[in-house]
PDB file of N, CA and C in Angstrom:
ATOM      1  N   MET A   1      18.010 -57.329 -40.393  1.00  0.00           N
ATOM      2  CA  MET A   1      17.470 -56.044 -40.591  1.00  0.00           C
ATOM      3  C   MET A   1      16.656 -55.564 -39.390  1.00  0.00           C
ATOM      4  N   SER A   2      16.977 -56.016 -38.259  1.00  0.00           N
ATOM      5  CA  SER A   2      16.274 -55.611 -37.060  1.00  0.00           C
ATOM      6  C   SER A   2      16.651 -54.171 -36.656  1.00  0.00           C
ATOM      7  N   ASP A   3      17.757 -53.658 -37.251  1.00  0.00           N
ATOM      8  CA  ASP A   3      18.152 -52.280 -36.961  1.00  0.00           C
ATOM      9  C   ASP A   3      17.158 -51.268 -37.512  1.00  0.00           C
ATOM     10  N   LEU A   4      16.397 -51.643 -38.541  1.00  0.00           N
ATOM     11  CA  LEU A   4      15.416 -50.722 -39.119  1.00  0.00           C
ATOM     12  C   LEU A   4      14.150 -50.645 -38.284  1.00  0.00           C
ATOM     13  N   ASP A   5      14.003 -51.531 -37.324  1.00  0.00           N
ATOM     14  CA  ASP A   5      12.815 -51.550 -36.498  1.00  0.00           C
ATOM     15  C   ASP A   5      12.939 -50.614 -35.292  1.00  0.00           C
ATOM     16  N   VAL A   6      13.813 -49.651 -35.407  1.00  0.00           N
ATOM     17  CA  VAL A   6      14.025 -48.700 -34.306  1.00  0.00           C
ATOM     18  C   VAL A   6      12.837 -47.735 -34.244  1.00  0.00           C
ATOM     19  N   GLN A   7      12.349 -47.495 -33.053  1.00  0.00           N
ATOM     20  CA  GLN A   7      11.227 -46.555 -32.907  1.00  0.00           C
ATOM     21  C   GLN A   7      11.741 -45.121 -32.925  1.00  0.00           C
ATOM     22  N   ILE A   8      11.038 -44.307 -33.621  1.00  0.00           N
ATOM     23  CA  ILE A   8      11.384 -42.895 -33.678  1.00  0.00           C
ATOM     24  C   ILE A   8      10.715 -42.221 -32.489  1.00  0.00           C
ATOM     25  N   PRO A   9      11.484 -41.476 -31.719  1.00  0.00           N
ATOM     26  CA  PRO A   9      10.876 -40.832 -30.540  1.00  0.00           C
ATOM     27  C   PRO A   9       9.847 -39.782 -30.936  1.00  0.00           C
ATOM     28  N   THR A  10       8.782 -39.754 -30.216  1.00  0.00           N
ATOM     29  CA  THR A  10       7.743 -38.774 -30.486  1.00  0.00           C
ATOM     30  C   THR A  10       8.069 -37.487 -29.710  1.00  0.00           C
ATOM     31  N   ALA A  11       7.329 -36.472 -30.003  1.00  0.00           N
ATOM     32  CA  ALA A  11       7.540 -35.204 -29.313  1.00  0.00           C
ATOM     33  C   ALA A  11       7.177 -35.379 -27.842  1.00  0.00           C
ATOM     34  N   PHE A  12       8.102 -35.032 -26.973  1.00  0.00           N
ATOM     35  CA  PHE A  12       7.899 -35.177 -25.547  1.00  0.00           C
ATOM     36  C   PHE A  12       7.778 -33.779 -24.941  1.00  0.00           C
ATOM     37  N   ASP A  13       6.708 -33.584 -24.234  1.00  0.00           N
ATOM     38  CA  ASP A  13       6.495 -32.296 -23.566  1.00  0.00           C
ATOM     39  C   ASP A  13       6.845 -32.468 -22.088  1.00  0.00           C
ATOM     40  N   PRO A  14       7.979 -31.900 -21.635  1.00  0.00           N
ATOM     41  CA  PRO A  14       8.381 -32.091 -20.233  1.00  0.00           C
ATOM     42  C   PRO A  14       7.468 -31.384 -19.245  1.00  0.00           C
ATOM     43  N   PHE A  15       6.662 -30.422 -19.728  1.00  0.00           N
ATOM     44  CA  PHE A  15       5.810 -29.670 -18.834  1.00  0.00           C
ATOM     45  C   PHE A  15       4.352 -30.144 -18.902  1.00  0.00           C
ATOM     46  N   ALA A  16       4.117 -31.280 -19.545  1.00  0.00           N
ATOM     47  CA  ALA A  16       2.742 -31.791 -19.683  1.00  0.00           C
ATOM     48  C   ALA A  16       2.109 -32.073 -18.332  1.00  0.00           C
ATOM     49  N   GLU A  17       2.870 -32.662 -17.411  1.00  0.00           N
ATOM     50  CA  GLU A  17       2.342 -32.963 -16.090  1.00  0.00           C
ATOM     51  C   GLU A  17       2.081 -31.677 -15.324  1.00  0.00           C
ATOM     52  N   ALA A  18       2.972 -30.721 -15.425  1.00  0.00           N
ATOM     53  CA  ALA A  18       2.820 -29.455 -14.707  1.00  0.00           C
ATOM     54  C   ALA A  18       1.623 -28.687 -15.232  1.00  0.00           C
ATOM     55  N   ASN A  19       1.450 -28.692 -16.565  1.00  0.00           N
ATOM     56  CA  ASN A  19       0.302 -27.991 -17.146  1.00  0.00           C
ATOM     57  C   ASN A  19      -1.008 -28.669 -16.753  1.00  0.00           C
ATOM     58  N   ALA A  20      -0.988 -30.001 -16.711  1.00  0.00           N
ATOM     59  CA  ALA A  20      -2.193 -30.724 -16.281  1.00  0.00           C
ATOM     60  C   ALA A  20      -2.481 -30.434 -14.822  1.00  0.00           C
ATOM     61  N   GLY A  21      -1.426 -30.325 -14.037  1.00  0.00           N
ATOM     62  CA  GLY A  21      -1.608 -29.982 -12.615  1.00  0.00           C
ATOM     63  C   GLY A  21      -2.101 -28.556 -12.459  1.00  0.00           C
ATOM     64  N   ASP A  22      -1.655 -27.621 -13.311  1.00  0.00           N
ATOM     65  CA  ASP A  22      -2.087 -26.238 -13.223  1.00  0.00           C
ATOM     66  C   ASP A  22      -3.568 -26.110 -13.550  1.00  0.00           C
ATOM     67  N   SER A  23      -4.018 -26.871 -14.546  1.00  0.00           N
ATOM     68  CA  SER A  23      -5.441 -26.759 -14.884  1.00  0.00           C
ATOM     69  C   SER A  23      -6.289 -27.264 -13.737  1.00  0.00           C
ATOM     70  N   GLY A  24      -5.856 -28.307 -13.079  1.00  0.00           N
ATOM     71  CA  GLY A  24      -6.584 -28.784 -11.902  1.00  0.00           C
ATOM     72  C   GLY A  24      -6.438 -27.819 -10.748  1.00  0.00           C
ATOM     73  N   ALA A  25      -5.248 -27.248 -10.606  1.00  0.00           N
ATOM     74  CA  ALA A  25      -5.013 -26.289  -9.547  1.00  0.00           C
ATOM     75  C   ALA A  25      -5.779 -24.991  -9.818  1.00  0.00           C
ATOM     76  N   ALA A  26      -5.952 -24.650 -11.078  1.00  0.00           N
ATOM     77  CA  ALA A  26      -6.676 -23.429 -11.386  1.00  0.00           C
ATOM     78  C   ALA A  26      -8.129 -23.572 -10.984  1.00  0.00           C
ATOM     79  N   ALA A  27      -8.672 -24.772 -11.212  1.00  0.00           N
ATOM     80  CA  ALA A  27     -10.043 -24.989 -10.803  1.00  0.00           C
ATOM     81  C   ALA A  27     -10.140 -25.012  -9.285  1.00  0.00           C
ATOM     82  N   GLY A  28      -9.119 -25.580  -8.629  1.00  0.00           N
ATOM     83  CA  GLY A  28      -9.140 -25.640  -7.183  1.00  0.00           C
ATOM     84  C   GLY A  28      -8.647 -24.357  -6.540  1.00  0.00           C
ATOM     85  N   SER A  29      -7.927 -23.527  -7.279  1.00  0.00           N
ATOM     86  CA  SER A  29      -7.371 -22.302  -6.699  1.00  0.00           C
ATOM     87  C   SER A  29      -8.467 -21.292  -6.403  1.00  0.00           C
ATOM     88  N   LYS A  30      -9.679 -21.502  -6.923  1.00  0.00           N
ATOM     89  CA  LYS A  30     -10.775 -20.616  -6.616  1.00  0.00           C
ATOM     90  C   LYS A  30     -11.094 -20.706  -5.129  1.00  0.00           C
ATOM     91  N   ASP A  31     -10.727 -21.804  -4.485  1.00  0.00           N
ATOM     92  CA  ASP A  31     -11.015 -21.963  -3.068  1.00  0.00           C
ATOM     93  C   ASP A  31     -10.005 -21.232  -2.203  1.00  0.00           C
ATOM     94  N   TYR A  32      -8.875 -20.866  -2.740  1.00  0.00           N
ATOM     95  CA  TYR A  32      -7.798 -20.286  -1.946  1.00  0.00           C
ATOM     96  C   TYR A  32      -7.749 -18.765  -2.101  1.00  0.00           C
ATOM     97  N   VAL A  33      -7.287 -18.122  -1.034  1.00  0.00           N
ATOM     98  CA  VAL A  33      -6.982 -16.704  -1.079  1.00  0.00           C
ATOM     99  C   VAL A  33      -5.454 -16.611  -1.114  1.00  0.00           C
ATOM    100  N   HIS A  34      -4.927 -15.969  -2.151  1.00  0.00           N
ATOM    101  CA  HIS A  34      -3.477 -15.874  -2.323  1.00  0.00           C
ATOM    102  C   HIS A  34      -3.010 -14.501  -1.854  1.00  0.00           C
ATOM    103  N   VAL A  35      -2.038 -14.526  -0.950  1.00  0.00           N
ATOM    104  CA  VAL A  35      -1.424 -13.293  -0.436  1.00  0.00           C
ATOM    105  C   VAL A  35       0.016 -13.285  -0.927  1.00  0.00           C
ATOM    106  N   ARG A  36       0.338 -12.323  -1.796  1.00  0.00           N
ATOM    107  CA  ARG A  36       1.654 -12.291  -2.427  1.00  0.00           C
ATOM    108  C   ARG A  36       2.360 -10.972  -2.113  1.00  0.00           C
ATOM    109  N   ILE A  37       3.665 -10.984  -2.335  1.00  0.00           N
ATOM    110  CA  ILE A  37       4.453  -9.767  -2.201  1.00  0.00           C
ATOM    111  C   ILE A  37       5.190  -9.545  -3.491  1.00  0.00           C
ATOM    112  N   GLN A  38       5.273  -8.279  -3.900  1.00  0.00           N
ATOM    113  CA  GLN A  38       6.003  -7.894  -5.078  1.00  0.00           C
ATOM    114  C   GLN A  38       7.028  -6.832  -4.686  1.00  0.00           C
ATOM    115  N   GLN A  39       8.248  -6.991  -5.137  1.00  0.00           N
ATOM    116  CA  GLN A  39       9.297  -6.030  -4.828  1.00  0.00           C
ATOM    117  C   GLN A  39       9.186  -4.827  -5.750  1.00  0.00           C
ATOM    118  N   ARG A  40       9.273  -3.647  -5.186  1.00  0.00           N
ATOM    119  CA  ARG A  40       9.277  -2.414  -5.986  1.00  0.00           C
ATOM    120  C   ARG A  40      10.684  -1.863  -6.041  1.00  0.00           C
ATOM    121  N   ASN A  41      10.846  -0.609  -5.732  1.00  0.00           N
ATOM    122  CA  ASN A  41      12.158   0.022  -5.754  1.00  0.00           C
ATOM    123  C   ASN A  41      12.862  -0.148  -4.418  1.00  0.00           C
ATOM    124  N   GLY A  42      14.076  -0.667  -4.437  1.00  0.00           N
ATOM    125  CA  GLY A  42      14.846  -0.796  -3.220  1.00  0.00           C
ATOM    126  C   GLY A  42      14.154  -1.644  -2.166  1.00  0.00           C
ATOM    127  N   ARG A  43      13.855  -1.049  -1.025  1.00  0.00           N
ATOM    128  CA  ARG A  43      13.206  -1.777   0.049  1.00  0.00           C
ATOM    129  C   ARG A  43      11.689  -1.700  -0.021  1.00  0.00           C
ATOM    130  N   LYS A  44      11.161  -1.005  -0.982  1.00  0.00           N
ATOM    131  CA  LYS A  44       9.714  -0.837  -1.124  1.00  0.00           C
ATOM    132  C   LYS A  44       9.095  -2.124  -1.647  1.00  0.00           C
ATOM    133  N   SER A  45       7.926  -2.469  -1.109  1.00  0.00           N
ATOM    134  CA  SER A  45       7.246  -3.680  -1.571  1.00  0.00           C
ATOM    135  C   SER A  45       5.745  -3.433  -1.627  1.00  0.00           C
ATOM    136  N   LEU A  46       5.061  -4.372  -2.252  1.00  0.00           N
ATOM    137  CA  LEU A  46       3.623  -4.264  -2.456  1.00  0.00           C
ATOM    138  C   LEU A  46       3.014  -5.628  -2.123  1.00  0.00           C
ATOM    139  N   THR A  47       1.982  -5.641  -1.279  1.00  0.00           N
ATOM    140  CA  THR A  47       1.309  -6.864  -0.926  1.00  0.00           C
ATOM    141  C   THR A  47      -0.016  -6.948  -1.689  1.00  0.00           C
ATOM    142  N   THR A  48      -0.275  -8.063  -2.334  1.00  0.00           N
ATOM    143  CA  THR A  48      -1.521  -8.236  -3.074  1.00  0.00           C
ATOM    144  C   THR A  48      -2.315  -9.388  -2.495  1.00  0.00           C
ATOM    145  N   VAL A  49      -3.640  -9.208  -2.465  1.00  0.00           N
ATOM    146  CA  VAL A  49      -4.569 -10.215  -1.964  1.00  0.00           C
ATOM    147  C   VAL A  49      -5.550 -10.531  -3.088  1.00  0.00           C
ATOM    148  N   GLN A  50      -5.589 -11.783  -3.505  1.00  0.00           N
ATOM    149  CA  GLN A  50      -6.508 -12.183  -4.567  1.00  0.00           C
ATOM    150  C   GLN A  50      -7.247 -13.433  -4.190  1.00  0.00           C
ATOM    151  N   GLY A  51      -8.426 -13.612  -4.732  1.00  0.00           N
ATOM    152  CA  GLY A  51      -9.163 -14.827  -4.523  1.00  0.00           C
ATOM    153  C   GLY A  51     -10.262 -14.723  -3.489  1.00  0.00           C
ATOM    154  N   LEU A  52     -10.539 -13.518  -3.004  1.00  0.00           N
ATOM    155  CA  LEU A  52     -11.666 -13.362  -2.088  1.00  0.00           C
ATOM    156  C   LEU A  52     -12.955 -13.569  -2.843  1.00  0.00           C
ATOM    157  N   LYS A  53     -13.973 -14.007  -2.172  1.00  0.00           N
ATOM    158  CA  LYS A  53     -15.263 -14.249  -2.817  1.00  0.00           C
ATOM    159  C   LYS A  53     -15.865 -12.926  -3.274  1.00  0.00           C
ATOM    160  N   LYS A  54     -16.628 -12.982  -4.368  1.00  0.00           N
ATOM    161  CA  LYS A  54     -17.163 -11.767  -4.957  1.00  0.00           C
ATOM    162  C   LYS A  54     -18.261 -11.144  -4.121  1.00  0.00           C
ATOM    163  N   GLU A  55     -18.829 -11.902  -3.188  1.00  0.00           N
ATOM    164  CA  GLU A  55     -19.903 -11.330  -2.366  1.00  0.00           C
ATOM    165  C   GLU A  55     -19.396 -10.363  -1.310  1.00  0.00           C
ATOM    166  N   PHE A  56     -18.085 -10.373  -1.055  1.00  0.00           N
ATOM    167  CA  PHE A  56     -17.488  -9.424  -0.075  1.00  0.00           C
ATOM    168  C   PHE A  56     -17.289  -8.081  -0.742  1.00  0.00           C
ATOM    169  N   SER A  57     -17.408  -7.035   0.042  1.00  0.00           N
ATOM    170  CA  SER A  57     -17.138  -5.691  -0.429  1.00  0.00           C
ATOM    171  C   SER A  57     -15.639  -5.417  -0.282  1.00  0.00           C
ATOM    172  N   TYR A  58     -14.964  -5.377  -1.415  1.00  0.00           N
ATOM    173  CA  TYR A  58     -13.515  -5.190  -1.428  1.00  0.00           C
ATOM    174  C   TYR A  58     -13.152  -3.838  -0.830  1.00  0.00           C
ATOM    175  N   SER A  59     -13.945  -2.823  -1.108  1.00  0.00           N
ATOM    176  CA  SER A  59     -13.609  -1.483  -0.612  1.00  0.00           C
ATOM    177  C   SER A  59     -13.719  -1.417   0.911  1.00  0.00           C
ATOM    178  N   LYS A  60     -14.682  -2.121   1.519  1.00  0.00           N
ATOM    179  CA  LYS A  60     -14.802  -2.134   2.974  1.00  0.00           C
ATOM    180  C   LYS A  60     -13.661  -2.887   3.624  1.00  0.00           C
ATOM    181  N   ILE A  61     -13.287  -4.018   3.019  1.00  0.00           N
ATOM    182  CA  ILE A  61     -12.162  -4.792   3.534  1.00  0.00           C
ATOM    183  C   ILE A  61     -10.891  -3.969   3.439  1.00  0.00           C
ATOM    184  N   LEU A  62     -10.711  -3.297   2.299  1.00  0.00           N
ATOM    185  CA  LEU A  62      -9.527  -2.445   2.117  1.00  0.00           C
ATOM    186  C   LEU A  62      -9.497  -1.333   3.140  1.00  0.00           C
ATOM    187  N   LYS A  63     -10.632  -0.707   3.407  1.00  0.00           N
ATOM    188  CA  LYS A  63     -10.697   0.376   4.375  1.00  0.00           C
ATOM    189  C   LYS A  63     -10.273  -0.103   5.757  1.00  0.00           C
ATOM    190  N   ASP A  64     -10.734  -1.284   6.150  1.00  0.00           N
ATOM    191  CA  ASP A  64     -10.365  -1.846   7.455  1.00  0.00           C
ATOM    192  C   ASP A  64      -8.882  -2.220   7.503  1.00  0.00           C
ATOM    193  N   LEU A  65      -8.367  -2.790   6.409  1.00  0.00           N
ATOM    194  CA  LEU A  65      -6.948  -3.153   6.348  1.00  0.00           C
ATOM    195  C   LEU A  65      -6.064  -1.915   6.453  1.00  0.00           C
ATOM    196  N   LYS A  66      -6.420  -0.865   5.723  1.00  0.00           N
ATOM    197  CA  LYS A  66      -5.617   0.352   5.752  1.00  0.00           C
ATOM    198  C   LYS A  66      -5.610   0.983   7.152  1.00  0.00           C
ATOM    199  N   LYS A  67      -6.753   0.955   7.798  1.00  0.00           N
ATOM    200  CA  LYS A  67      -6.847   1.551   9.137  1.00  0.00           C
ATOM    201  C   LYS A  67      -6.090   0.711  10.152  1.00  0.00           C
ATOM    202  N   GLU A  68      -6.181  -0.615  10.022  1.00  0.00           N
ATOM    203  CA  GLU A  68      -5.538  -1.516  10.970  1.00  0.00           C
ATOM    204  C   GLU A  68      -4.017  -1.483  10.885  1.00  0.00           C
ATOM    205  N   PHE A  69      -3.474  -1.424   9.661  1.00  0.00           N
ATOM    206  CA  PHE A  69      -2.033  -1.554   9.479  1.00  0.00           C
ATOM    207  C   PHE A  69      -1.339  -0.224   9.172  1.00  0.00           C
ATOM    208  N   CYS A  70      -2.085   0.878   9.167  1.00  0.00           N
ATOM    209  CA  CYS A  70      -1.513   2.209   8.925  1.00  0.00           C
ATOM    210  C   CYS A  70      -0.724   2.239   7.613  1.00  0.00           C
ATOM    211  N   CYS A  71      -1.362   1.796   6.529  1.00  0.00           N
ATOM    212  CA  CYS A  71      -0.709   1.804   5.241  1.00  0.00           C
ATOM    213  C   CYS A  71      -1.720   2.232   4.185  1.00  0.00           C
ATOM    214  N   ASN A  72      -1.263   2.507   3.001  1.00  0.00           N
ATOM    215  CA  ASN A  72      -2.154   2.882   1.925  1.00  0.00           C
ATOM    216  C   ASN A  72      -2.424   1.662   1.046  1.00  0.00           C
ATOM    217  N   GLY A  73      -3.501   1.728   0.263  1.00  0.00           N
ATOM    218  CA  GLY A  73      -3.817   0.598  -0.590  1.00  0.00           C
ATOM    219  C   GLY A  73      -4.883   0.982  -1.594  1.00  0.00           C
ATOM    220  N   THR A  74      -5.177   0.027  -2.490  1.00  0.00           N
ATOM    221  CA  THR A  74      -6.169   0.249  -3.527  1.00  0.00           C
ATOM    222  C   THR A  74      -6.729  -1.081  -3.989  1.00  0.00           C
ATOM    223  N   VAL A  75      -7.886  -1.014  -4.667  1.00  0.00           N
ATOM    224  CA  VAL A  75      -8.461  -2.189  -5.298  1.00  0.00           C
ATOM    225  C   VAL A  75      -8.255  -2.048  -6.797  1.00  0.00           C
ATOM    226  N   VAL A  76      -7.620  -3.048  -7.416  1.00  0.00           N
ATOM    227  CA  VAL A  76      -7.296  -3.013  -8.828  1.00  0.00           C
ATOM    228  C   VAL A  76      -8.117  -4.067  -9.548  1.00  0.00           C
ATOM    229  N   GLN A  77      -8.692  -3.709 -10.689  1.00  0.00           N
ATOM    230  CA  GLN A  77      -9.445  -4.652 -11.521  1.00  0.00           C
ATOM    231  C   GLN A  77      -8.486  -5.242 -12.553  1.00  0.00           C
ATOM    232  N   ASP A  78      -8.213  -6.536 -12.430  1.00  0.00           N
ATOM    233  CA  ASP A  78      -7.336  -7.241 -13.374  1.00  0.00           C
ATOM    234  C   ASP A  78      -8.190  -8.075 -14.297  1.00  0.00           C
ATOM    235  N   PRO A  79      -7.916  -8.089 -15.617  1.00  0.00           N
ATOM    236  CA  PRO A  79      -8.757  -8.863 -16.516  1.00  0.00           C
ATOM    237  C   PRO A  79      -8.714 -10.378 -16.272  1.00  0.00           C
ATOM    238  N   GLU A  80      -7.566 -10.912 -15.839  1.00  0.00           N
ATOM    239  CA  GLU A  80      -7.446 -12.347 -15.612  1.00  0.00           C
ATOM    240  C   GLU A  80      -7.829 -12.738 -14.190  1.00  0.00           C
ATOM    241  N   LEU A  81      -7.404 -11.942 -13.201  1.00  0.00           N
ATOM    242  CA  LEU A  81      -7.572 -12.310 -11.807  1.00  0.00           C
ATOM    243  C   LEU A  81      -8.813 -11.745 -11.165  1.00  0.00           C
ATOM    244  N   GLY A  82      -9.452 -10.795 -11.801  1.00  0.00           N
ATOM    245  CA  GLY A  82     -10.607 -10.139 -11.186  1.00  0.00           C
ATOM    246  C   GLY A  82     -10.126  -9.009 -10.311  1.00  0.00           C
ATOM    247  N   GLN A  83     -10.812  -8.790  -9.196  1.00  0.00           N
ATOM    248  CA  GLN A  83     -10.425  -7.700  -8.296  1.00  0.00           C
ATOM    249  C   GLN A  83      -9.318  -8.164  -7.370  1.00  0.00           C
ATOM    250  N   VAL A  84      -8.311  -7.305  -7.198  1.00  0.00           N
ATOM    251  CA  VAL A  84      -7.159  -7.602  -6.365  1.00  0.00           C
ATOM    252  C   VAL A  84      -6.935  -6.424  -5.431  1.00  0.00           C
ATOM    253  N   ILE A  85      -6.721  -6.721  -4.153  1.00  0.00           N
ATOM    254  CA  ILE A  85      -6.407  -5.667  -3.185  1.00  0.00           C
ATOM    255  C   ILE A  85      -4.884  -5.522  -3.100  1.00  0.00           C
ATOM    256  N   GLN A  86      -4.418  -4.270  -3.212  1.00  0.00           N
ATOM    257  CA  GLN A  86      -2.982  -3.998  -3.127  1.00  0.00           C
ATOM    258  C   GLN A  86      -2.738  -3.128  -1.903  1.00  0.00           C
ATOM    259  N   LEU A  87      -1.734  -3.475  -1.123  1.00  0.00           N
ATOM    260  CA  LEU A  87      -1.349  -2.717   0.061  1.00  0.00           C
ATOM    261  C   LEU A  87       0.121  -2.372   0.004  1.00  0.00           C
ATOM    262  N   GLN A  88       0.499  -1.213   0.547  1.00  0.00           N
ATOM    263  CA  GLN A  88       1.901  -0.858   0.596  1.00  0.00           C
ATOM    264  C   GLN A  88       2.597  -1.612   1.709  1.00  0.00           C
ATOM    265  N   GLY A  89       3.829  -2.037   1.437  1.00  0.00           N
ATOM    266  CA  GLY A  89       4.630  -2.701   2.452  1.00  0.00           C
ATOM    267  C   GLY A  89       4.412  -4.209   2.471  1.00  0.00           C
ATOM    268  N   ASP A  90       5.201  -4.883   3.291  1.00  0.00           N
ATOM    269  CA  ASP A  90       5.087  -6.339   3.470  1.00  0.00           C
ATOM    270  C   ASP A  90       4.060  -6.616   4.553  1.00  0.00           C
ATOM    271  N   GLN A  91       2.832  -6.859   4.160  1.00  0.00           N
ATOM    272  CA  GLN A  91       1.720  -7.054   5.096  1.00  0.00           C
ATOM    273  C   GLN A  91       1.177  -8.484   5.017  1.00  0.00           C
ATOM    274  N   ARG A  92       1.992  -9.425   4.534  1.00  0.00           N
ATOM    275  CA  ARG A  92       1.464 -10.788   4.310  1.00  0.00           C
ATOM    276  C   ARG A  92       0.918 -11.418   5.577  1.00  0.00           C
ATOM    277  N   LYS A  93       1.694 -11.444   6.650  1.00  0.00           N
ATOM    278  CA  LYS A  93       1.241 -12.092   7.888  1.00  0.00           C
ATOM    279  C   LYS A  93       0.102 -11.297   8.514  1.00  0.00           C
ATOM    280  N   ASN A  94       0.174  -9.990   8.450  1.00  0.00           N
ATOM    281  CA  ASN A  94      -0.883  -9.161   9.021  1.00  0.00           C
ATOM    282  C   ASN A  94      -2.211  -9.395   8.327  1.00  0.00           C
ATOM    283  N   VAL A  95      -2.172  -9.442   6.980  1.00  0.00           N
ATOM    284  CA  VAL A  95      -3.400  -9.640   6.206  1.00  0.00           C
ATOM    285  C   VAL A  95      -3.989 -11.018   6.452  1.00  0.00           C
ATOM    286  N   SER A  96      -3.143 -12.057   6.496  1.00  0.00           N
ATOM    287  CA  SER A  96      -3.666 -13.410   6.720  1.00  0.00           C
ATOM    288  C   SER A  96      -4.292 -13.507   8.109  1.00  0.00           C
ATOM    289  N   ASN A  97      -3.656 -12.931   9.136  1.00  0.00           N
ATOM    290  CA  ASN A  97      -4.233 -12.948  10.479  1.00  0.00           C
ATOM    291  C   ASN A  97      -5.540 -12.163  10.527  1.00  0.00           C
ATOM    292  N   PHE A  98      -5.595 -11.030   9.839  1.00  0.00           N
ATOM    293  CA  PHE A  98      -6.801 -10.194   9.825  1.00  0.00           C
ATOM    294  C   PHE A  98      -7.977 -10.951   9.170  1.00  0.00           C
ATOM    295  N   LEU A  99      -7.702 -11.593   8.039  1.00  0.00           N
ATOM    296  CA  LEU A  99      -8.770 -12.315   7.322  1.00  0.00           C
ATOM    297  C   LEU A  99      -9.319 -13.472   8.155  1.00  0.00           C
ATOM    298  N   VAL A 100      -8.442 -14.148   8.897  1.00  0.00           N
ATOM    299  CA  VAL A 100      -8.896 -15.258   9.748  1.00  0.00           C
ATOM    300  C   VAL A 100      -9.683 -14.725  10.943  1.00  0.00           C
ATOM    301  N   GLN A 101      -9.192 -13.687  11.603  1.00  0.00           N
ATOM    302  CA  GLN A 101      -9.882 -13.137  12.769  1.00  0.00           C
ATOM    303  C   GLN A 101     -11.224 -12.501  12.417  1.00  0.00           C
ATOM    304  N   ALA A 102     -11.318 -11.916  11.225  1.00  0.00           N
ATOM    305  CA  ALA A 102     -12.581 -11.305  10.793  1.00  0.00           C
ATOM    306  C   ALA A 102     -13.567 -12.341  10.322  1.00  0.00           C
ATOM    307  N   GLY A 103     -13.132 -13.591  10.158  1.00  0.00           N
ATOM    308  CA  GLY A 103     -14.031 -14.655   9.726  1.00  0.00           C
ATOM    309  C   GLY A 103     -14.307 -14.648   8.244  1.00  0.00           C
ATOM    310  N   ILE A 104     -13.480 -13.983   7.467  1.00  0.00           N
ATOM    311  CA  ILE A 104     -13.691 -13.911   6.019  1.00  0.00           C
ATOM    312  C   ILE A 104     -13.226 -15.198   5.372  1.00  0.00           C
ATOM    313  N   VAL A 105     -12.082 -15.735   5.827  1.00  0.00           N
ATOM    314  CA  VAL A 105     -11.493 -16.931   5.241  1.00  0.00           C
ATOM    315  C   VAL A 105     -10.968 -17.803   6.365  1.00  0.00           C
ATOM    316  N   LYS A 106     -11.021 -19.115   6.164  1.00  0.00           N
ATOM    317  CA  LYS A 106     -10.405 -20.024   7.125  1.00  0.00           C
ATOM    318  C   LYS A 106      -8.915 -20.076   6.888  1.00  0.00           C
ATOM    319  N   LYS A 107      -8.183 -20.388   7.956  1.00  0.00           N
ATOM    320  CA  LYS A 107      -6.721 -20.393   7.875  1.00  0.00           C
ATOM    321  C   LYS A 107      -6.189 -21.352   6.832  1.00  0.00           C
ATOM    322  N   GLU A 108      -6.832 -22.510   6.672  1.00  0.00           N
ATOM    323  CA  GLU A 108      -6.318 -23.506   5.701  1.00  0.00           C
ATOM    324  C   GLU A 108      -6.584 -23.117   4.264  1.00  0.00           C
ATOM    325  N   HIS A 109      -7.374 -22.065   4.020  1.00  0.00           N
ATOM    326  CA  HIS A 109      -7.664 -21.615   2.667  1.00  0.00           C
ATOM    327  C   HIS A 109      -6.830 -20.405   2.240  1.00  0.00           C
ATOM    328  N   ILE A 110      -5.805 -20.056   3.044  1.00  0.00           N
ATOM    329  CA  ILE A 110      -4.928 -18.948   2.715  1.00  0.00           C
ATOM    330  C   ILE A 110      -3.572 -19.491   2.313  1.00  0.00           C
ATOM    331  N   LYS A 111      -3.070 -19.033   1.181  1.00  0.00           N
ATOM    332  CA  LYS A 111      -1.728 -19.371   0.733  1.00  0.00           C
ATOM    333  C   LYS A 111      -0.898 -18.099   0.683  1.00  0.00           C
ATOM    334  N   ILE A 112       0.239 -18.132   1.391  1.00  0.00           N
ATOM    335  CA  ILE A 112       1.125 -16.974   1.428  1.00  0.00           C
ATOM    336  C   ILE A 112       2.305 -17.260   0.508  1.00  0.00           C
ATOM    337  N   HIS A 113       2.519 -16.379  -0.453  1.00  0.00           N
ATOM    338  CA  HIS A 113       3.617 -16.536  -1.420  1.00  0.00           C
ATOM    339  C   HIS A 113       4.646 -15.454  -1.167  1.00  0.00           C
ATOM    340  N   GLY A 114       5.846 -15.687  -1.653  1.00  0.00           N
ATOM    341  CA  GLY A 114       6.886 -14.668  -1.585  1.00  0.00           C
ATOM    342  C   GLY A 114       8.164 -15.221  -1.001  1.00  0.00           C
ATOM    343  N   PHE A 115       9.136 -14.340  -0.894  1.00  0.00           N
ATOM    344  CA  PHE A 115      10.456 -14.722  -0.423  1.00  0.00           C
ATOM    345  C   PHE A 115      10.516 -14.833   1.027  1.00  0.00           C
TER     346      PHE A 115
END
């Protein structure tokens, strides 16, 4: 009767490790500034910057970014992410270089996302 001693598999969550990693990354992601791109209509795109420290004036940074790159932009209040800077066009490299040169963020604390 050793056939009855078969163990019944328990519920296996394949994303348990990823979720555990996300919770640790979420706590550590506060240290990073994320620069992302979102595709709009056709060739139009939107660059978003999130994760800047709250002590910085988002409106002043946005004003300098708009003047430097000749594009339009806005500061959006997101309930989950906080304040996010949005710029027209693909400005990922420009924004990361600007933030490093202005001394706002170190280069190793910037993560560039997108295609």
